[in-house]
């Protein structure tokens, strides 16, 4: 998976990774927020969910200690990372800004 993950984050477009866990209540809320964000940004960026219980090595590699944690990558570089819940407008603006760079 790590090779596939690397290919995923090597994108020219921003890739928002949602590190989540199935047992995490706030993650379910964040997931529905991300569905709306996806509608707002269309093709400008990708949103990918990574289950930390299925891929603990990736979560560990990027210092994910709590869920939900969101991270934005462009060309393989992590440009932003934050834990906790984020609202639709914040994330839409964040990805729009990264896509414009």
N, C-alpha and C. Protein backbone atom coordinates (compact mmCIF):
# COMPACT_ATOMS: atom_id res chain seq x y z
N UNK A 1 0.83 -1.21 0.00
CA UNK A 1 0.00 0.00 0.00
C UNK A 1 0.86 1.26 0.00
N UNK A 2 2.03 1.23 0.65
CA UNK A 2 2.81 2.46 0.75
C UNK A 2 3.26 2.97 -0.63
N UNK A 3 3.57 2.04 -1.55
CA UNK A 3 3.93 2.45 -2.91
C UNK A 3 2.72 3.10 -3.58
N UNK A 4 1.57 2.48 -3.41
CA UNK A 4 0.34 3.02 -3.99
C UNK A 4 0.00 4.37 -3.34
N UNK A 5 0.21 4.46 -2.04
CA UNK A 5 -0.05 5.72 -1.34
C UNK A 5 0.87 6.81 -1.87
N UNK A 6 2.14 6.46 -2.08
CA UNK A 6 3.11 7.42 -2.60
C UNK A 6 2.68 7.94 -3.97
N UNK A 7 2.22 7.03 -4.83
CA UNK A 7 1.74 7.44 -6.16
C UNK A 7 0.54 8.38 -6.02
N UNK A 8 -0.32 8.08 -5.07
CA UNK A 8 -1.52 8.88 -4.83
C UNK A 8 -1.16 10.31 -4.43
N UNK A 9 -0.21 10.46 -3.51
CA UNK A 9 0.12 11.81 -3.02
C UNK A 9 1.11 12.54 -3.92
N UNK A 10 1.67 11.87 -4.91
CA UNK A 10 2.58 12.52 -5.86
C UNK A 10 1.84 13.37 -6.89
N UNK A 11 0.54 13.49 -6.74
CA UNK A 11 -0.30 14.21 -7.68
C UNK A 11 0.05 15.69 -7.77
N UNK A 12 -0.16 16.26 -8.96
CA UNK A 12 -0.01 17.71 -9.16
C UNK A 12 -1.16 18.46 -8.47
N UNK A 13 -2.33 17.81 -8.43
CA UNK A 13 -3.46 18.43 -7.74
C UNK A 13 -3.37 18.12 -6.25
N UNK A 14 -3.93 18.99 -5.43
CA UNK A 14 -3.93 18.70 -3.99
C UNK A 14 -4.69 17.40 -3.70
N UNK A 15 -4.16 16.64 -2.75
CA UNK A 15 -4.82 15.42 -2.28
C UNK A 15 -5.04 15.58 -0.78
N UNK A 16 -6.30 15.58 -0.38
CA UNK A 16 -6.63 15.65 1.04
C UNK A 16 -6.80 14.23 1.55
N UNK A 17 -5.99 13.86 2.51
CA UNK A 17 -6.10 12.53 3.12
C UNK A 17 -6.86 12.67 4.43
N UNK A 18 -7.92 11.88 4.56
CA UNK A 18 -8.70 11.82 5.80
C UNK A 18 -8.28 10.56 6.53
N UNK A 19 -7.43 10.71 7.55
CA UNK A 19 -7.05 9.57 8.39
C UNK A 19 -8.18 9.37 9.40
N UNK A 20 -8.81 8.20 9.36
CA UNK A 20 -9.99 7.96 10.20
C UNK A 20 -9.94 6.55 10.78
N UNK A 21 -10.91 6.27 11.66
CA UNK A 21 -11.10 4.91 12.18
C UNK A 21 -12.61 4.64 12.22
N UNK A 22 -12.98 3.40 11.98
CA UNK A 22 -14.40 3.04 11.93
C UNK A 22 -15.09 3.24 13.28
N UNK A 23 -14.33 3.13 14.37
CA UNK A 23 -14.90 3.25 15.71
C UNK A 23 -15.00 4.71 16.19
N UNK A 24 -14.56 5.64 15.38
CA UNK A 24 -14.45 7.05 15.77
C UNK A 24 -15.71 7.83 15.39
N UNK A 25 -16.45 8.31 16.40
CA UNK A 25 -17.66 9.08 16.17
C UNK A 25 -17.44 10.36 15.37
N UNK A 26 -16.50 11.22 15.80
CA UNK A 26 -16.24 12.45 15.05
C UNK A 26 -15.82 12.19 13.60
N UNK A 27 -15.21 11.04 13.34
CA UNK A 27 -14.80 10.71 11.97
C UNK A 27 -16.00 10.58 11.04
N UNK A 28 -17.10 10.07 11.59
CA UNK A 28 -18.33 9.93 10.78
C UNK A 28 -18.88 11.31 10.41
N UNK A 29 -18.80 12.25 11.35
CA UNK A 29 -19.22 13.63 11.09
C UNK A 29 -18.31 14.24 10.03
N UNK A 30 -17.00 14.06 10.20
CA UNK A 30 -16.03 14.62 9.25
C UNK A 30 -16.26 14.06 7.85
N UNK A 31 -16.61 12.79 7.79
CA UNK A 31 -16.84 12.14 6.50
C UNK A 31 -17.99 12.80 5.74
N UNK A 32 -19.07 13.13 6.43
CA UNK A 32 -20.19 13.78 5.75
C UNK A 32 -19.82 15.20 5.33
N UNK A 33 -19.01 15.88 6.13
CA UNK A 33 -18.50 17.21 5.76
C UNK A 33 -17.67 17.10 4.48
N UNK A 34 -16.83 16.08 4.41
CA UNK A 34 -15.96 15.90 3.24
C UNK A 34 -16.75 15.60 1.97
N UNK A 35 -17.89 14.93 2.11
CA UNK A 35 -18.74 14.69 0.94
C UNK A 35 -19.19 16.01 0.33
N UNK A 36 -19.54 16.97 1.17
CA UNK A 36 -19.95 18.29 0.69
C UNK A 36 -18.76 19.04 0.10
N UNK A 37 -17.61 18.95 0.76
CA UNK A 37 -16.40 19.60 0.25
C UNK A 37 -16.08 19.07 -1.15
N UNK A 38 -16.21 17.76 -1.32
CA UNK A 38 -15.94 17.13 -2.62
C UNK A 38 -16.84 17.72 -3.71
N UNK A 39 -18.11 17.91 -3.37
CA UNK A 39 -19.04 18.53 -4.32
C UNK A 39 -18.60 19.96 -4.64
N UNK A 40 -18.13 20.69 -3.63
CA UNK A 40 -17.72 22.09 -3.82
C UNK A 40 -16.48 22.23 -4.69
N UNK A 41 -15.50 21.34 -4.52
CA UNK A 41 -14.23 21.53 -5.22
C UNK A 41 -14.14 20.77 -6.54
N UNK A 42 -15.01 19.81 -6.75
CA UNK A 42 -15.01 19.08 -8.02
C UNK A 42 -13.66 18.45 -8.32
N UNK A 43 -13.10 18.78 -9.49
CA UNK A 43 -11.85 18.16 -9.95
C UNK A 43 -10.60 18.89 -9.48
N UNK A 44 -10.75 19.97 -8.70
CA UNK A 44 -9.59 20.75 -8.28
C UNK A 44 -8.67 19.98 -7.33
N UNK A 45 -9.26 19.04 -6.61
CA UNK A 45 -8.49 18.27 -5.63
C UNK A 45 -9.14 16.91 -5.44
N UNK A 46 -8.37 15.99 -4.85
CA UNK A 46 -8.91 14.67 -4.51
C UNK A 46 -9.04 14.55 -3.01
N UNK A 47 -10.01 13.74 -2.59
CA UNK A 47 -10.17 13.43 -1.17
C UNK A 47 -10.12 11.92 -1.03
N UNK A 48 -9.21 11.46 -0.17
CA UNK A 48 -9.01 10.02 0.01
C UNK A 48 -9.08 9.69 1.49
N UNK A 49 -9.79 8.61 1.82
CA UNK A 49 -9.90 8.17 3.20
C UNK A 49 -8.92 7.03 3.46
N UNK A 50 -8.19 7.12 4.57
CA UNK A 50 -7.25 6.07 4.97
C UNK A 50 -7.63 5.61 6.38
N UNK A 51 -7.99 4.34 6.49
CA UNK A 51 -8.35 3.75 7.79
C UNK A 51 -7.05 3.43 8.54
N UNK A 52 -6.86 4.11 9.67
CA UNK A 52 -5.59 3.93 10.41
C UNK A 52 -5.44 2.52 10.98
N UNK A 53 -6.54 1.81 11.17
CA UNK A 53 -6.44 0.44 11.67
C UNK A 53 -6.02 -0.53 10.57
N UNK A 54 -6.37 -0.21 9.32
CA UNK A 54 -5.95 -1.05 8.20
C UNK A 54 -4.55 -0.70 7.71
N UNK A 55 -4.16 0.57 7.88
CA UNK A 55 -2.86 1.03 7.38
C UNK A 55 -2.08 1.77 8.47
N UNK A 56 -1.77 1.08 9.57
CA UNK A 56 -1.10 1.75 10.69
C UNK A 56 0.28 2.31 10.33
N UNK A 57 0.98 1.68 9.40
CA UNK A 57 2.32 2.15 9.02
C UNK A 57 2.25 3.53 8.36
N UNK A 58 1.24 3.74 7.53
CA UNK A 58 1.09 5.04 6.87
C UNK A 58 0.72 6.11 7.91
N UNK A 59 -0.20 5.77 8.80
CA UNK A 59 -0.59 6.71 9.86
C UNK A 59 0.62 7.07 10.71
N UNK A 60 1.41 6.09 11.05
CA UNK A 60 2.61 6.31 11.86
C UNK A 60 3.63 7.16 11.12
N UNK A 61 3.82 6.87 9.84
CA UNK A 61 4.80 7.60 9.02
C UNK A 61 4.50 9.10 9.00
N UNK A 62 3.21 9.46 9.02
CA UNK A 62 2.83 10.87 8.96
C UNK A 62 2.42 11.44 10.31
N UNK A 63 2.76 10.74 11.38
CA UNK A 63 2.57 11.27 12.73
C UNK A 63 1.13 11.43 13.15
N UNK A 64 0.25 10.56 12.65
CA UNK A 64 -1.16 10.64 13.02
C UNK A 64 -1.34 9.97 14.37
N UNK A 65 -1.70 10.77 15.37
CA UNK A 65 -1.85 10.25 16.72
C UNK A 65 -3.30 10.25 17.19
N UNK A 66 -4.16 10.99 16.48
CA UNK A 66 -5.58 11.00 16.83
C UNK A 66 -6.38 11.10 15.53
N UNK A 67 -7.64 10.69 15.63
CA UNK A 67 -8.51 10.76 14.46
C UNK A 67 -9.76 11.57 14.81
N UNK A 68 -10.34 12.28 13.85
CA UNK A 68 -9.83 12.41 12.49
C UNK A 68 -8.62 13.35 12.41
N UNK A 69 -7.71 13.01 11.51
CA UNK A 69 -6.61 13.91 11.14
C UNK A 69 -6.67 14.08 9.63
N UNK A 70 -6.60 15.32 9.19
CA UNK A 70 -6.62 15.62 7.77
C UNK A 70 -5.24 16.13 7.36
N UNK A 71 -4.81 15.75 6.16
CA UNK A 71 -3.52 16.22 5.65
C UNK A 71 -3.67 16.50 4.16
N UNK A 72 -2.98 17.55 3.69
CA UNK A 72 -3.00 17.89 2.28
C UNK A 72 -1.60 17.68 1.71
N UNK A 73 -1.55 16.93 0.59
CA UNK A 73 -0.30 16.66 -0.10
C UNK A 73 -0.37 17.21 -1.52
N UNK A 74 0.75 17.73 -2.00
CA UNK A 74 0.92 18.06 -3.42
C UNK A 74 2.31 17.59 -3.80
N UNK A 75 2.40 16.84 -4.89
CA UNK A 75 3.68 16.31 -5.39
C UNK A 75 4.45 15.58 -4.28
N UNK A 76 3.74 14.82 -3.47
CA UNK A 76 4.37 13.99 -2.45
C UNK A 76 4.75 14.71 -1.17
N UNK A 77 4.52 16.02 -1.12
CA UNK A 77 4.92 16.78 0.05
C UNK A 77 3.70 17.14 0.89
N UNK A 78 3.79 16.89 2.20
CA UNK A 78 2.70 17.25 3.09
C UNK A 78 2.81 18.75 3.38
N UNK A 79 1.78 19.50 2.96
CA UNK A 79 1.81 20.95 3.10
C UNK A 79 0.96 21.45 4.26
N UNK A 80 0.08 20.58 4.77
CA UNK A 80 -0.82 20.98 5.85
C UNK A 80 -1.32 19.73 6.55
N UNK A 81 -1.40 19.80 7.87
CA UNK A 81 -1.96 18.67 8.63
C UNK A 81 -2.58 19.20 9.91
N UNK A 82 -3.77 18.71 10.22
CA UNK A 82 -4.43 19.13 11.45
C UNK A 82 -5.38 18.04 11.92
N UNK A 83 -5.45 17.85 13.21
CA UNK A 83 -6.38 16.88 13.79
C UNK A 83 -7.66 17.59 14.22
N UNK A 84 -8.71 16.81 14.37
CA UNK A 84 -9.98 17.36 14.83
C UNK A 84 -10.95 17.60 13.69
N UNK A 85 -12.13 18.08 14.05
CA UNK A 85 -13.18 18.34 13.05
C UNK A 85 -12.97 19.67 12.36
N UNK A 86 -13.25 19.68 11.07
CA UNK A 86 -13.15 20.90 10.27
C UNK A 86 -14.44 21.09 9.50
N UNK A 87 -14.84 22.34 9.32
CA UNK A 87 -16.12 22.61 8.65
C UNK A 87 -15.94 22.71 7.13
N UNK A 88 -17.06 22.68 6.44
CA UNK A 88 -17.08 22.67 4.98
C UNK A 88 -16.33 23.88 4.39
N UNK A 89 -16.64 25.08 4.89
CA UNK A 89 -16.04 26.28 4.32
C UNK A 89 -14.53 26.31 4.50
N UNK A 90 -14.06 25.97 5.68
CA UNK A 90 -12.61 25.95 5.94
C UNK A 90 -11.91 25.03 4.97
N UNK A 91 -12.43 23.81 4.82
CA UNK A 91 -11.77 22.82 3.96
C UNK A 91 -11.91 23.17 2.47
N UNK A 92 -13.05 23.70 2.08
CA UNK A 92 -13.24 24.10 0.68
C UNK A 92 -12.25 25.21 0.33
N UNK A 93 -12.13 26.21 1.21
CA UNK A 93 -11.20 27.32 0.98
C UNK A 93 -9.76 26.85 0.97
N UNK A 94 -9.43 25.96 1.90
CA UNK A 94 -8.08 25.42 1.99
C UNK A 94 -7.69 24.73 0.67
N UNK A 95 -8.54 23.85 0.19
CA UNK A 95 -8.22 23.11 -1.03
C UNK A 95 -8.24 24.00 -2.27
N UNK A 96 -9.13 24.97 -2.29
CA UNK A 96 -9.17 25.92 -3.41
C UNK A 96 -7.88 26.72 -3.45
N UNK A 97 -7.40 27.16 -2.28
CA UNK A 97 -6.13 27.90 -2.21
C UNK A 97 -4.96 27.05 -2.68
N UNK A 98 -4.88 25.80 -2.21
CA UNK A 98 -3.79 24.92 -2.63
C UNK A 98 -3.85 24.63 -4.13
N UNK A 99 -5.06 24.49 -4.66
CA UNK A 99 -5.23 24.17 -6.09
C UNK A 99 -4.79 25.35 -6.96
N UNK A 100 -4.88 26.55 -6.41
CA UNK A 100 -4.55 27.76 -7.19
C UNK A 100 -3.05 28.04 -7.24
N UNK A 101 -2.27 27.34 -6.42
CA UNK A 101 -0.82 27.61 -6.35
C UNK A 101 -0.08 27.02 -7.53
